[in-house]
């Protein structure tokens, strides 16, 4: 069976790896990125480089978006040169970015008006998983649309969880990132305390990672914090954004995420001090530098 033509909008930390795996799987891929320079490596691998989302959308059966936030998603889909200007009937839109459920619901309505269908399919995983085709997709939308895009999702990931109608994926992704963000913030405070206490850091972390507080996230992030390796797997400023979206979405459901607000204050402070474009593990650095 002939593979469908695909467009990928956004070639940042995650999108580049996703597009690369689609090319490896034999799909015809068109890519767009606001900074064209980031698209050139994909062009060298055989992707067509479009000058706008509208150009990328022409003649494609599936359009993936992986961008930073609601504003970037709105521009990519509904802007002056957005993909919705040129989509053809029957095209499936797949929004993989971490966004607010409110915008995802609005985008779904815009897609319906344009005669196409939207899946929201945010991912879990970071740069390494995107490059290795090991992402998990949290999907909201119809069975038919999901069946259409499943071969492409399988080329980029190891798991597909169909949660319900459009917006379901966005909601669970924010719950996931809320829990991660709060744990990273508490780890930053706890590790700073540990470092200043005079305890043996390596022995103490070995105990904590193997005990009740332990988790894969604590293990990975504590290693990055102790080695001060802040090469980007997940941008700090995006975690701050996600905690804000989570706070607002939970409030819409009558839940006050006080821990999200506190954690976000740490990430915002770190971003203000210049760590926004580094890995989220760098949230510990302002705490380390604060007056003892």
Protein backbone atom coordinates (compact mmCIF):
# COMPACT_ATOMS: atom_id res chain seq x y z
CA UNK A 1 0.00 0.00 0.00
CA UNK A 2 1.35 3.41 -0.97
CA UNK A 3 2.39 5.47 2.02
CA UNK A 4 0.66 8.77 2.62
CA UNK A 5 2.36 12.11 2.10
CA UNK A 6 3.06 13.92 5.35
CA UNK A 7 3.88 17.46 6.43
CA UNK A 8 5.70 18.26 9.68
CA UNK A 9 5.41 21.78 11.09
CA UNK A 10 8.09 22.60 13.67
CA UNK A 11 11.59 21.12 13.78
CA UNK A 12 12.74 21.90 17.29
CA UNK A 13 13.91 19.51 20.01
CA UNK A 14 11.20 16.96 19.11
CA UNK A 15 10.02 17.71 15.59
CA UNK A 16 13.33 17.08 13.84
CA UNK A 17 13.61 13.57 15.24
CA UNK A 18 10.00 12.82 14.37
CA UNK A 19 10.45 13.97 10.77
CA UNK A 20 13.66 11.97 10.46
CA UNK A 21 11.90 8.77 11.51
CA UNK A 22 9.08 9.36 9.04
CA UNK A 23 11.67 9.68 6.27
CA UNK A 24 13.40 6.49 7.44
CA UNK A 25 10.04 4.69 7.26
CA UNK A 26 9.66 5.67 3.61
CA UNK A 27 7.05 8.41 3.86
CA UNK A 28 7.13 11.39 1.52
CA UNK A 29 7.75 14.26 3.95
CA UNK A 30 7.47 18.03 3.62
CA UNK A 31 8.83 20.09 6.49
CA UNK A 32 8.45 23.66 7.66
CA UNK A 33 10.24 25.57 10.38
CA UNK A 34 10.20 29.29 11.13
CA UNK A 35 14.00 29.23 11.04
CA UNK A 36 14.76 27.65 7.67
CA UNK A 37 18.29 26.73 8.73
CA UNK A 38 16.87 24.03 11.02
CA UNK A 39 15.10 22.43 8.04
CA UNK A 40 18.24 21.99 5.93
CA UNK A 41 19.40 18.72 7.55
CA UNK A 42 15.97 17.24 6.78
CA UNK A 43 16.26 18.48 3.21
CA UNK A 44 19.57 16.65 2.92
CA UNK A 45 17.75 13.47 4.00
CA UNK A 46 15.14 13.85 1.28
CA UNK A 47 12.42 16.03 2.77
CA UNK A 48 10.92 18.87 0.76
CA UNK A 49 11.37 22.20 2.56
CA UNK A 50 8.32 24.47 2.46
CA UNK A 51 8.40 28.22 2.94
CA UNK A 52 5.19 28.35 5.00
CA UNK A 53 2.72 26.03 6.73
CA UNK A 54 0.27 26.74 3.92
CA UNK A 55 2.78 25.52 1.35
CA UNK A 56 3.63 22.48 3.45
CA UNK A 57 -0.05 21.53 3.70
CA UNK A 58 -0.70 21.48 -0.06
CA UNK A 59 -1.30 17.96 -1.31
CA UNK A 60 -0.48 16.21 1.96
CA UNK A 61 -2.70 13.60 3.59
CA UNK A 62 -1.48 14.04 7.17
CA UNK A 63 -0.09 17.17 8.85
CA UNK A 64 1.81 16.95 12.13
CA UNK A 65 2.56 19.97 14.27
CA UNK A 66 5.17 20.05 17.02
CA UNK A 67 5.60 23.62 18.25
CA UNK A 68 6.20 25.47 21.51
CA UNK A 69 2.85 26.79 22.69
CA UNK A 70 -0.71 27.91 21.87
CA UNK A 71 0.47 31.03 20.05
CA UNK A 72 2.84 29.11 17.79
CA UNK A 73 0.19 26.48 17.10
CA UNK A 74 -2.38 29.13 16.23
CA UNK A 75 0.06 30.75 13.82
CA UNK A 76 0.97 27.45 12.18
CA UNK A 77 -2.64 26.40 11.62
CA UNK A 78 -4.70 29.58 11.42
CA UNK A 79 -2.22 32.38 10.72
CA UNK A 80 -2.00 34.40 7.51
CA UNK A 81 0.06 31.59 5.95
CA UNK A 82 -1.36 28.81 8.12
CA UNK A 83 -1.94 25.25 7.02
CA UNK A 84 -5.73 25.55 7.28
CA UNK A 85 -5.64 27.95 4.31
CA UNK A 86 -4.65 25.16 1.93
CA UNK A 87 -5.70 21.85 3.48
CA UNK A 88 -7.70 19.51 1.27
CA UNK A 89 -10.81 17.61 2.31
CA UNK A 90 -9.95 14.36 4.04
CA UNK A 91 -6.63 15.54 5.43
CA UNK A 92 -5.95 14.56 9.05
CA UNK A 93 -4.38 17.20 11.29
CA UNK A 94 -2.31 15.86 14.19
CA UNK A 95 -1.33 18.34 16.88
CA UNK A 96 1.51 16.82 18.92
CA UNK A 97 2.46 19.95 20.86
CA UNK A 98 1.72 20.40 24.56
CA UNK A 99 -1.12 22.92 24.49
CA UNK A 100 -4.07 24.14 26.50
CA UNK A 101 -7.25 22.04 26.12
CA UNK A 102 -9.12 25.27 25.41
CA UNK A 103 -7.05 25.99 22.29
CA UNK A 104 -7.20 22.36 21.16
CA UNK A 105 -11.00 22.52 21.34
CA UNK A 106 -10.99 25.73 19.31
CA UNK A 107 -8.59 24.25 16.77
CA UNK A 108 -10.84 21.22 16.35
CA UNK A 109 -13.74 23.52 15.49
CA UNK A 110 -11.58 25.37 12.94
CA UNK A 111 -10.59 22.04 11.40
CA UNK A 112 -14.21 20.95 11.10
CA UNK A 113 -15.06 24.25 9.44
CA UNK A 114 -12.28 23.62 6.92
CA UNK A 115 -13.63 20.14 6.16
CA UNK A 116 -10.84 18.22 7.87
CA UNK A 117 -10.40 16.34 11.13
CA UNK A 118 -8.10 16.93 14.10
CA UNK A 119 -6.38 14.51 16.43
CA UNK A 120 -4.63 15.90 19.47
CA UNK A 121 -1.70 13.58 20.08
CA UNK A 122 0.87 15.09 22.45
CA UNK A 123 3.84 12.91 23.24
CA UNK A 124 5.75 11.72 26.27
CA UNK A 125 9.50 11.47 25.91
CA UNK A 126 12.24 13.95 25.10
CA UNK A 127 14.93 14.43 22.46
CA UNK A 128 16.41 10.92 22.77
CA UNK A 129 13.00 9.25 22.43
CA UNK A 130 12.07 11.45 19.45
CA UNK A 131 15.31 10.58 17.68
CA UNK A 132 15.01 6.89 18.53
CA UNK A 133 11.36 6.49 17.52
CA UNK A 134 10.39 5.68 21.10
CA UNK A 135 7.71 8.29 21.80
CA UNK A 136 4.34 7.58 23.37
CA UNK A 137 1.33 9.32 21.83
CA UNK A 138 -1.63 10.38 24.00
CA UNK A 139 -4.46 10.62 21.50
CA UNK A 140 -7.81 12.35 21.49
CA UNK A 141 -10.08 12.07 18.45
CA UNK A 142 -12.04 9.66 16.30
CA UNK A 143 -11.24 6.00 15.70
CA UNK A 144 -11.23 6.61 11.93
CA UNK A 145 -8.72 9.44 12.07
CA UNK A 146 -6.48 7.46 14.42
CA UNK A 147 -6.56 4.41 12.13
CA UNK A 148 -5.51 6.63 9.23
CA UNK A 149 -2.46 8.04 10.98
CA UNK A 150 -1.43 4.94 12.98
CA UNK A 151 1.29 3.80 10.51
CA UNK A 152 2.92 7.22 10.79
CA UNK A 153 2.65 7.22 14.59
CA UNK A 154 4.21 3.76 14.70
CA UNK A 155 7.17 5.05 12.70
CA UNK A 156 7.82 7.65 15.42
CA UNK A 157 6.80 5.90 18.61
CA UNK A 158 6.47 2.77 20.68
CA UNK A 159 3.01 3.38 22.14
CA UNK A 160 -0.35 4.84 21.20
CA UNK A 161 -2.96 5.44 23.91
CA UNK A 162 -6.41 6.43 22.60
CA UNK A 163 -8.04 8.29 25.47
CA UNK A 164 -11.32 9.56 23.99
CA UNK A 165 -12.53 12.65 22.14
CA UNK A 166 -10.41 15.58 21.01
CA UNK A 167 -8.84 17.31 24.01
CA UNK A 168 -8.28 14.08 25.96
CA UNK A 169 -4.65 13.86 24.95
CA UNK A 170 -3.98 17.49 25.84
CA UNK A 171 -5.51 17.05 29.28
CA UNK A 172 -3.54 13.93 30.22
CA UNK A 173 -0.31 15.45 28.87
CA UNK A 174 -0.73 18.46 31.16
CA UNK A 175 -1.42 16.21 34.14
CA UNK A 176 1.73 14.28 33.25
CA UNK A 177 3.87 17.41 32.95
CA UNK A 178 2.38 18.92 36.09
CA UNK A 179 3.46 15.88 38.09
CA UNK A 180 6.91 15.95 36.46
CA UNK A 181 7.39 19.69 37.01
CA UNK A 182 6.48 19.51 40.69
CA UNK A 183 8.85 16.58 41.24
CA UNK A 184 11.72 18.38 39.48
CA UNK A 185 11.12 21.53 41.53
CA UNK A 186 11.11 19.55 44.79
CA UNK A 187 14.23 17.69 43.69
CA UNK A 188 16.00 21.00 43.01
CA UNK A 189 15.20 22.20 46.52
CA UNK A 190 15.98 18.85 48.14
CA UNK A 191 19.29 18.44 46.33
CA UNK A 192 20.36 21.99 47.20
CA UNK A 193 19.58 21.21 50.85
CA UNK A 194 21.51 17.97 50.57
CA UNK A 195 24.56 19.67 49.06
CA UNK A 196 24.64 22.31 51.80
CA UNK A 197 24.11 19.82 54.62
CA UNK A 198 27.53 18.23 54.42
CA UNK A 199 26.13 14.78 53.66
CA UNK A 200 27.78 12.58 51.05
CA UNK A 201 25.77 13.50 47.94
CA UNK A 202 26.44 10.31 45.98
CA UNK A 203 25.53 7.98 48.85
CA UNK A 204 22.47 10.03 49.73
CA UNK A 205 21.16 10.09 46.16
CA UNK A 206 21.72 6.35 45.81
CA UNK A 207 19.51 5.85 48.85
CA UNK A 208 16.81 8.29 47.67
CA UNK A 209 16.66 6.89 44.15
CA UNK A 210 16.20 3.34 45.48
CA UNK A 211 13.66 4.36 48.11
CA UNK A 212 10.09 5.63 48.19
CA UNK A 213 10.88 8.99 46.50
CA UNK A 214 12.68 7.24 43.64
CA UNK A 215 11.47 7.37 40.06
CA UNK A 216 13.01 7.27 36.56
CA UNK A 217 12.59 11.05 36.43
CA UNK A 218 14.35 11.63 39.78
CA UNK A 219 17.19 9.37 38.69
CA UNK A 220 17.71 11.08 35.32
CA UNK A 221 17.30 14.66 36.50
CA UNK A 222 19.43 14.24 39.63
CA UNK A 223 22.27 13.01 37.41
CA UNK A 224 21.93 16.08 35.21
CA UNK A 225 21.83 18.37 38.22
CA UNK A 226 24.88 16.86 39.90
CA UNK A 227 26.95 16.85 36.68
CA UNK A 228 25.51 20.23 35.61
CA UNK A 229 24.72 18.80 32.17
CA UNK A 230 22.06 21.12 30.81
CA UNK A 231 22.18 20.18 27.14
CA UNK A 232 18.57 20.31 26.09
CA UNK A 233 16.29 17.31 26.42
CA UNK A 234 13.37 19.49 27.54
CA UNK A 235 13.57 23.28 27.60
CA UNK A 236 13.16 24.89 31.00
CA UNK A 237 10.92 27.64 29.61
CA UNK A 238 8.56 25.03 28.19
CA UNK A 239 8.12 23.38 31.57
CA UNK A 240 7.22 26.79 32.99
CA UNK A 241 4.66 27.18 30.18
CA UNK A 242 3.23 23.71 30.75
CA UNK A 243 2.76 24.32 34.47
CA UNK A 244 0.87 27.50 33.64
CA UNK A 245 -1.41 25.69 31.20
CA UNK A 246 -1.94 22.92 33.75
CA UNK A 247 -2.90 25.41 36.45
CA UNK A 248 -5.49 27.05 34.18
CA UNK A 249 -6.92 23.79 32.85
CA UNK A 250 -7.28 22.32 36.33
CA UNK A 251 -9.00 25.50 37.50
CA UNK A 252 -11.55 25.00 34.71
CA UNK A 253 -12.33 21.68 36.42
CA UNK A 254 -12.54 23.19 39.89
CA UNK A 255 -9.07 22.07 41.03
CA UNK A 256 -6.56 24.52 42.52
CA UNK A 257 -3.04 23.28 41.69
CA UNK A 258 -1.16 25.07 44.45
CA UNK A 259 1.90 22.88 43.96
CA UNK A 260 1.97 23.75 40.26
CA UNK A 261 1.95 27.46 41.10
CA UNK A 262 4.84 27.04 43.53
CA UNK A 263 6.87 24.92 41.12
CA UNK A 264 6.23 27.32 38.28
CA UNK A 265 7.63 30.19 40.34
CA UNK A 266 10.97 28.34 40.52
CA UNK A 267 11.03 27.73 36.76
CA UNK A 268 10.03 31.33 35.98
CA UNK A 269 12.76 32.64 38.28
CA UNK A 270 15.34 30.44 36.57
CA UNK A 271 14.14 31.58 33.14
CA UNK A 272 14.40 35.22 34.26
CA UNK A 273 18.02 34.57 35.23
CA UNK A 274 18.86 33.22 31.77
CA UNK A 275 18.24 29.47 32.05
CA UNK A 276 15.11 29.39 29.88
CA UNK A 277 16.84 27.91 26.83
CA UNK A 278 18.72 25.29 28.84
CA UNK A 279 17.42 21.93 30.01
CA UNK A 280 14.78 22.00 32.73
CA UNK A 281 17.26 20.41 35.17
CA UNK A 282 19.00 23.80 35.33
CA UNK A 283 16.16 25.01 37.58
CA UNK A 284 18.47 24.09 40.47
CA UNK A 285 21.14 26.66 39.59
CA UNK A 286 19.45 29.78 41.03
CA UNK A 287 18.90 27.86 44.27
CA UNK A 288 22.57 26.89 44.42
CA UNK A 289 23.58 30.52 43.86
CA UNK A 290 21.21 32.01 46.42
CA UNK A 291 22.55 33.44 49.67
CA UNK A 292 23.11 30.74 52.27
